[in-house]
Amino acid sequence: MTICTSPKLFFERMVPDALRRGAVAPEPGLLTFRLVGPEAGEWTVDLGRRRLRRGGVSRPDLYLEMSSTDFRALLAERLPMQAAIAQGRVRFAGQPRYLAAFGRLLESVA
């Protein structure tokens, strides 16, 4: 997978398309992604309803935060997710099992 796109395009176009295509099995769960830096933004994926909305929620099942620069590197396969987590470049809270759902979203838009 090598995706050269902006985080906004990824979340607001590619993720909803992947959800419609069923790339991630529907299951209850809210994933909030917060990017900081030049392309800052916050998005929440509702896995059960297969929807995405701009902004966060108060109690997501998984909260991920990283710089938009690192997110671009992740999309372009220049930064492996496990390395980013181990190096503290990705901060998360909540249920780690939802990291797999995020991985499937990344794979589905390749």
N, C-alpha and C. Protein backbone atom coordinates (compact mmCIF):
# COMPACT_ATOMS: atom_id res chain seq x y z
N MET A 1 0.85 -1.17 0.00
CA MET A 1 0.00 0.00 0.00
C MET A 1 0.89 1.23 0.00
N THR A 2 0.73 2.07 -0.97
CA THR A 2 1.39 3.36 -0.96
C THR A 2 0.35 4.39 -1.33
N ILE A 3 -0.02 5.20 -0.39
CA ILE A 3 -1.03 6.22 -0.59
C ILE A 3 -0.38 7.58 -0.43
N CYS A 4 -0.44 8.37 -1.45
CA CYS A 4 0.06 9.74 -1.37
C CYS A 4 -1.15 10.66 -1.42
N THR A 5 -1.65 10.99 -0.28
CA THR A 5 -2.85 11.81 -0.19
C THR A 5 -2.80 12.62 1.09
N SER A 6 -3.66 13.57 1.18
CA SER A 6 -3.73 14.36 2.40
C SER A 6 -4.55 13.61 3.44
N PRO A 7 -4.32 13.88 4.71
CA PRO A 7 -5.16 13.25 5.75
C PRO A 7 -6.64 13.57 5.56
N LYS A 8 -6.95 14.83 5.18
CA LYS A 8 -8.35 15.21 4.99
C LYS A 8 -8.99 14.36 3.88
N LEU A 9 -8.31 14.19 2.76
CA LEU A 9 -8.83 13.36 1.68
C LEU A 9 -8.98 11.91 2.12
N PHE A 10 -8.00 11.42 2.87
CA PHE A 10 -8.07 10.05 3.36
C PHE A 10 -9.31 9.85 4.21
N PHE A 11 -9.50 10.72 5.21
CA PHE A 11 -10.62 10.53 6.12
C PHE A 11 -11.97 10.88 5.50
N GLU A 12 -12.03 11.93 4.72
CA GLU A 12 -13.33 12.41 4.27
C GLU A 12 -13.81 11.81 2.95
N ARG A 13 -12.92 11.18 2.20
CA ARG A 13 -13.35 10.51 0.97
C ARG A 13 -13.07 9.02 0.96
N MET A 14 -11.83 8.67 1.28
CA MET A 14 -11.42 7.27 1.14
C MET A 14 -12.00 6.38 2.23
N VAL A 15 -12.01 6.85 3.47
CA VAL A 15 -12.55 6.04 4.56
C VAL A 15 -14.05 5.79 4.37
N PRO A 16 -14.87 6.82 4.09
CA PRO A 16 -16.30 6.53 3.86
C PRO A 16 -16.53 5.55 2.71
N ASP A 17 -15.73 5.65 1.65
CA ASP A 17 -15.86 4.71 0.54
C ASP A 17 -15.51 3.30 1.00
N ALA A 18 -14.45 3.15 1.77
CA ALA A 18 -14.06 1.83 2.28
C ALA A 18 -15.13 1.25 3.19
N LEU A 19 -15.74 2.11 4.01
CA LEU A 19 -16.81 1.64 4.90
C LEU A 19 -18.02 1.18 4.09
N ARG A 20 -18.38 1.92 3.05
CA ARG A 20 -19.51 1.52 2.19
C ARG A 20 -19.25 0.19 1.50
N ARG A 21 -17.99 -0.02 1.10
CA ARG A 21 -17.63 -1.27 0.42
C ARG A 21 -17.52 -2.44 1.38
N GLY A 22 -17.61 -2.19 2.66
CA GLY A 22 -17.52 -3.26 3.65
C GLY A 22 -16.11 -3.72 3.93
N ALA A 23 -15.12 -2.84 3.76
CA ALA A 23 -13.73 -3.20 4.00
C ALA A 23 -13.46 -3.57 5.45
N VAL A 24 -14.26 -3.04 6.35
CA VAL A 24 -14.16 -3.36 7.77
C VAL A 24 -15.52 -3.88 8.20
N ALA A 25 -15.52 -5.04 8.82
CA ALA A 25 -16.78 -5.65 9.26
C ALA A 25 -17.48 -4.72 10.24
N PRO A 26 -18.81 -4.59 10.10
CA PRO A 26 -19.51 -3.73 11.05
C PRO A 26 -19.48 -4.34 12.44
N GLU A 27 -19.10 -3.56 13.40
CA GLU A 27 -19.09 -3.96 14.80
C GLU A 27 -19.24 -2.69 15.62
N PRO A 28 -19.78 -2.78 16.80
CA PRO A 28 -19.88 -1.58 17.61
C PRO A 28 -18.49 -1.05 17.91
N GLY A 29 -18.30 0.20 17.73
CA GLY A 29 -17.01 0.79 18.06
C GLY A 29 -16.85 2.16 17.44
N LEU A 30 -16.30 3.07 18.23
CA LEU A 30 -16.01 4.42 17.77
C LEU A 30 -14.51 4.64 17.84
N LEU A 31 -13.92 5.04 16.73
CA LEU A 31 -12.49 5.30 16.66
C LEU A 31 -12.29 6.78 16.36
N THR A 32 -11.63 7.50 17.25
CA THR A 32 -11.36 8.91 17.04
C THR A 32 -9.89 9.09 16.72
N PHE A 33 -9.63 9.83 15.65
CA PHE A 33 -8.28 10.12 15.18
C PHE A 33 -8.05 11.62 15.28
N ARG A 34 -6.97 12.00 15.95
CA ARG A 34 -6.63 13.41 16.06
C ARG A 34 -5.23 13.60 15.49
N LEU A 35 -5.13 14.47 14.49
CA LEU A 35 -3.85 14.80 13.90
C LEU A 35 -3.48 16.21 14.29
N VAL A 36 -2.23 16.41 14.65
CA VAL A 36 -1.73 17.72 15.02
C VAL A 36 -0.67 18.14 14.01
N GLY A 37 -0.50 19.44 13.87
CA GLY A 37 0.51 19.93 12.94
C GLY A 37 -0.12 20.64 11.76
N PRO A 38 0.61 20.69 10.66
CA PRO A 38 0.18 21.50 9.51
C PRO A 38 -1.18 21.08 8.92
N GLU A 39 -1.51 19.82 9.00
CA GLU A 39 -2.78 19.33 8.45
C GLU A 39 -3.65 18.77 9.58
N ALA A 40 -3.76 19.54 10.64
CA ALA A 40 -4.48 19.10 11.84
C ALA A 40 -5.95 18.84 11.53
N GLY A 41 -6.51 17.92 12.28
CA GLY A 41 -7.93 17.62 12.17
C GLY A 41 -8.29 16.49 13.11
N GLU A 42 -9.58 16.31 13.27
CA GLU A 42 -10.07 15.24 14.13
C GLU A 42 -11.28 14.60 13.44
N TRP A 43 -11.28 13.27 13.41
CA TRP A 43 -12.35 12.52 12.76
C TRP A 43 -12.73 11.33 13.63
N THR A 44 -13.98 10.92 13.56
CA THR A 44 -14.45 9.74 14.28
C THR A 44 -15.10 8.78 13.30
N VAL A 45 -14.65 7.53 13.35
CA VAL A 45 -15.22 6.46 12.53
C VAL A 45 -16.15 5.65 13.42
N ASP A 46 -17.40 5.52 12.99
CA ASP A 46 -18.39 4.69 13.68
C ASP A 46 -18.44 3.38 12.90
N LEU A 47 -17.79 2.36 13.44
CA LEU A 47 -17.71 1.08 12.74
C LEU A 47 -19.07 0.41 12.60
N GLY A 48 -19.91 0.51 13.62
CA GLY A 48 -21.22 -0.14 13.59
C GLY A 48 -22.14 0.44 12.54
N ARG A 49 -22.13 1.75 12.41
CA ARG A 49 -23.01 2.42 11.44
C ARG A 49 -22.33 2.66 10.11
N ARG A 50 -21.02 2.33 10.05
CA ARG A 50 -20.23 2.54 8.84
C ARG A 50 -20.29 4.00 8.39
N ARG A 51 -19.99 4.88 9.32
CA ARG A 51 -20.03 6.31 9.04
C ARG A 51 -18.78 6.99 9.59
N LEU A 52 -18.50 8.13 9.01
CA LEU A 52 -17.41 8.96 9.50
C LEU A 52 -17.97 10.35 9.75
N ARG A 53 -17.50 10.97 10.82
CA ARG A 53 -17.89 12.35 11.06
C ARG A 53 -16.66 13.15 11.45
N ARG A 54 -16.69 14.41 11.12
CA ARG A 54 -15.60 15.32 11.48
C ARG A 54 -15.75 15.63 12.97
N GLY A 55 -14.66 15.59 13.69
CA GLY A 55 -14.68 15.88 15.12
C GLY A 55 -14.57 14.61 15.95
N GLY A 56 -14.38 14.81 17.23
CA GLY A 56 -14.22 13.69 18.15
C GLY A 56 -15.49 13.42 18.93
N VAL A 57 -15.41 12.42 19.77
CA VAL A 57 -16.49 12.09 20.69
C VAL A 57 -15.89 12.01 22.09
N SER A 58 -16.74 12.09 23.09
CA SER A 58 -16.21 12.15 24.46
C SER A 58 -15.63 10.82 24.95
N ARG A 59 -16.16 9.70 24.49
CA ARG A 59 -15.66 8.40 24.98
C ARG A 59 -15.50 7.41 23.83
N PRO A 60 -14.50 7.60 22.97
CA PRO A 60 -14.31 6.63 21.89
C PRO A 60 -13.77 5.31 22.44
N ASP A 61 -13.98 4.26 21.68
CA ASP A 61 -13.41 2.96 22.05
C ASP A 61 -11.91 2.94 21.81
N LEU A 62 -11.47 3.75 20.85
CA LEU A 62 -10.03 3.91 20.59
C LEU A 62 -9.78 5.35 20.19
N TYR A 63 -8.81 5.96 20.83
CA TYR A 63 -8.39 7.32 20.50
C TYR A 63 -6.95 7.25 20.03
N LEU A 64 -6.68 7.75 18.84
CA LEU A 64 -5.33 7.77 18.27
C LEU A 64 -4.93 9.21 18.02
N GLU A 65 -3.70 9.56 18.36
CA GLU A 65 -3.21 10.91 18.11
C GLU A 65 -1.79 10.82 17.57
N MET A 66 -1.54 11.59 16.52
CA MET A 66 -0.21 11.64 15.93
C MET A 66 -0.07 12.92 15.12
N SER A 67 1.14 13.22 14.70
CA SER A 67 1.34 14.39 13.86
C SER A 67 0.84 14.08 12.45
N SER A 68 0.41 15.11 11.77
CA SER A 68 -0.04 14.90 10.38
C SER A 68 1.13 14.47 9.50
N THR A 69 2.32 14.91 9.83
CA THR A 69 3.52 14.50 9.07
C THR A 69 3.75 13.00 9.22
N ASP A 70 3.65 12.49 10.45
CA ASP A 70 3.81 11.06 10.67
C ASP A 70 2.67 10.28 10.01
N PHE A 71 1.47 10.84 10.01
CA PHE A 71 0.35 10.17 9.37
C PHE A 71 0.59 10.02 7.87
N ARG A 72 1.10 11.08 7.23
CA ARG A 72 1.44 10.99 5.81
C ARG A 72 2.49 9.91 5.57
N ALA A 73 3.49 9.84 6.46
CA ALA A 73 4.53 8.82 6.34
C ALA A 73 3.94 7.42 6.51
N LEU A 74 2.98 7.28 7.40
CA LEU A 74 2.28 6.01 7.59
C LEU A 74 1.54 5.61 6.31
N LEU A 75 0.83 6.56 5.72
CA LEU A 75 0.09 6.28 4.48
C LEU A 75 1.02 5.91 3.33
N ALA A 76 2.19 6.52 3.29
CA ALA A 76 3.15 6.26 2.22
C ALA A 76 4.06 5.07 2.51
N GLU A 77 3.78 4.36 3.60
CA GLU A 77 4.56 3.19 4.02
C GLU A 77 6.01 3.52 4.35
N ARG A 78 6.28 4.74 4.74
CA ARG A 78 7.62 5.11 5.20
C ARG A 78 7.74 4.98 6.71
N LEU A 79 6.61 4.75 7.38
CA LEU A 79 6.60 4.60 8.84
C LEU A 79 5.66 3.45 9.21
N PRO A 80 6.22 2.33 9.66
CA PRO A 80 5.36 1.22 10.09
C PRO A 80 4.63 1.58 11.38
N MET A 81 3.38 1.17 11.48
CA MET A 81 2.55 1.50 12.63
C MET A 81 3.18 1.00 13.93
N GLN A 82 3.69 -0.22 13.95
CA GLN A 82 4.29 -0.75 15.19
C GLN A 82 5.48 0.08 15.63
N ALA A 83 6.30 0.51 14.68
CA ALA A 83 7.46 1.33 15.02
C ALA A 83 7.00 2.69 15.55
N ALA A 84 5.98 3.26 14.93
CA ALA A 84 5.47 4.56 15.37
C ALA A 84 4.94 4.49 16.80
N ILE A 85 4.26 3.41 17.13
CA ILE A 85 3.75 3.23 18.49
C ILE A 85 4.91 3.04 19.46
N ALA A 86 5.85 2.17 19.10
CA ALA A 86 7.00 1.89 19.97
C ALA A 86 7.84 3.14 20.23
N GLN A 87 7.94 4.03 19.25
CA GLN A 87 8.73 5.25 19.38
C GLN A 87 7.94 6.39 20.01
N GLY A 88 6.68 6.15 20.35
CA GLY A 88 5.86 7.19 20.96
C GLY A 88 5.36 8.23 19.98
N ARG A 89 5.46 7.96 18.70
CA ARG A 89 4.99 8.91 17.68
C ARG A 89 3.49 8.80 17.47
N VAL A 90 2.91 7.69 17.91
CA VAL A 90 1.46 7.51 17.92
C VAL A 90 1.06 7.28 19.36
N ARG A 91 0.15 8.07 19.82
CA ARG A 91 -0.36 7.90 21.17
C ARG A 91 -1.79 7.37 21.05
N PHE A 92 -2.11 6.40 21.87
CA PHE A 92 -3.48 5.89 21.82
C PHE A 92 -3.97 5.55 23.20
N ALA A 93 -5.27 5.56 23.31
CA ALA A 93 -5.94 5.18 24.55
C ALA A 93 -7.18 4.41 24.17
N GLY A 94 -7.56 3.49 25.01
CA GLY A 94 -8.75 2.70 24.73
C GLY A 94 -8.39 1.26 24.44
N GLN A 95 -9.22 0.64 23.64
CA GLN A 95 -9.09 -0.79 23.37
C GLN A 95 -8.18 -1.04 22.16
N PRO A 96 -7.00 -1.60 22.39
CA PRO A 96 -6.04 -1.82 21.30
C PRO A 96 -6.57 -2.72 20.18
N ARG A 97 -7.58 -3.54 20.47
CA ARG A 97 -8.10 -4.44 19.41
C ARG A 97 -8.62 -3.65 18.22
N TYR A 98 -8.98 -2.39 18.45
CA TYR A 98 -9.48 -1.56 17.35
C TYR A 98 -8.36 -1.06 16.44
N LEU A 99 -7.12 -1.22 16.85
CA LEU A 99 -6.01 -0.88 15.96
C LEU A 99 -6.07 -1.74 14.70
N ALA A 100 -6.54 -2.97 14.83
CA ALA A 100 -6.66 -3.85 13.67
C ALA A 100 -7.68 -3.30 12.67
N ALA A 101 -8.77 -2.72 13.17
CA ALA A 101 -9.77 -2.11 12.28
C ALA A 101 -9.15 -0.95 11.52
N PHE A 102 -8.32 -0.16 12.20
CA PHE A 102 -7.64 0.94 11.53
C PHE A 102 -6.70 0.39 10.45
N GLY A 103 -6.00 -0.67 10.78
CA GLY A 103 -5.12 -1.31 9.79
C GLY A 103 -5.89 -1.77 8.56
N ARG A 104 -7.07 -2.34 8.77
CA ARG A 104 -7.89 -2.79 7.63
C ARG A 104 -8.35 -1.61 6.79
N LEU A 105 -8.66 -0.49 7.42
CA LEU A 105 -9.02 0.71 6.66
C LEU A 105 -7.85 1.17 5.80
N LEU A 106 -6.64 1.18 6.38
CA LEU A 106 -5.47 1.56 5.61
C LEU A 106 -5.26 0.64 4.41
N GLU A 107 -5.38 -0.65 4.64
CA GLU A 107 -5.18 -1.63 3.57
C GLU A 107 -6.24 -1.50 2.47
N SER A 108 -7.45 -1.15 2.86
CA SER A 108 -8.56 -1.14 1.90
C SER A 108 -8.50 0.02 0.92
N VAL A 109 -7.75 1.05 1.23
CA VAL A 109 -7.69 2.19 0.33
C VAL A 109 -6.41 2.21 -0.50
N ALA A 110 -5.63 1.16 -0.38
CA ALA A 110 -4.38 1.09 -1.14
C ALA A 110 -4.63 0.97 -2.62
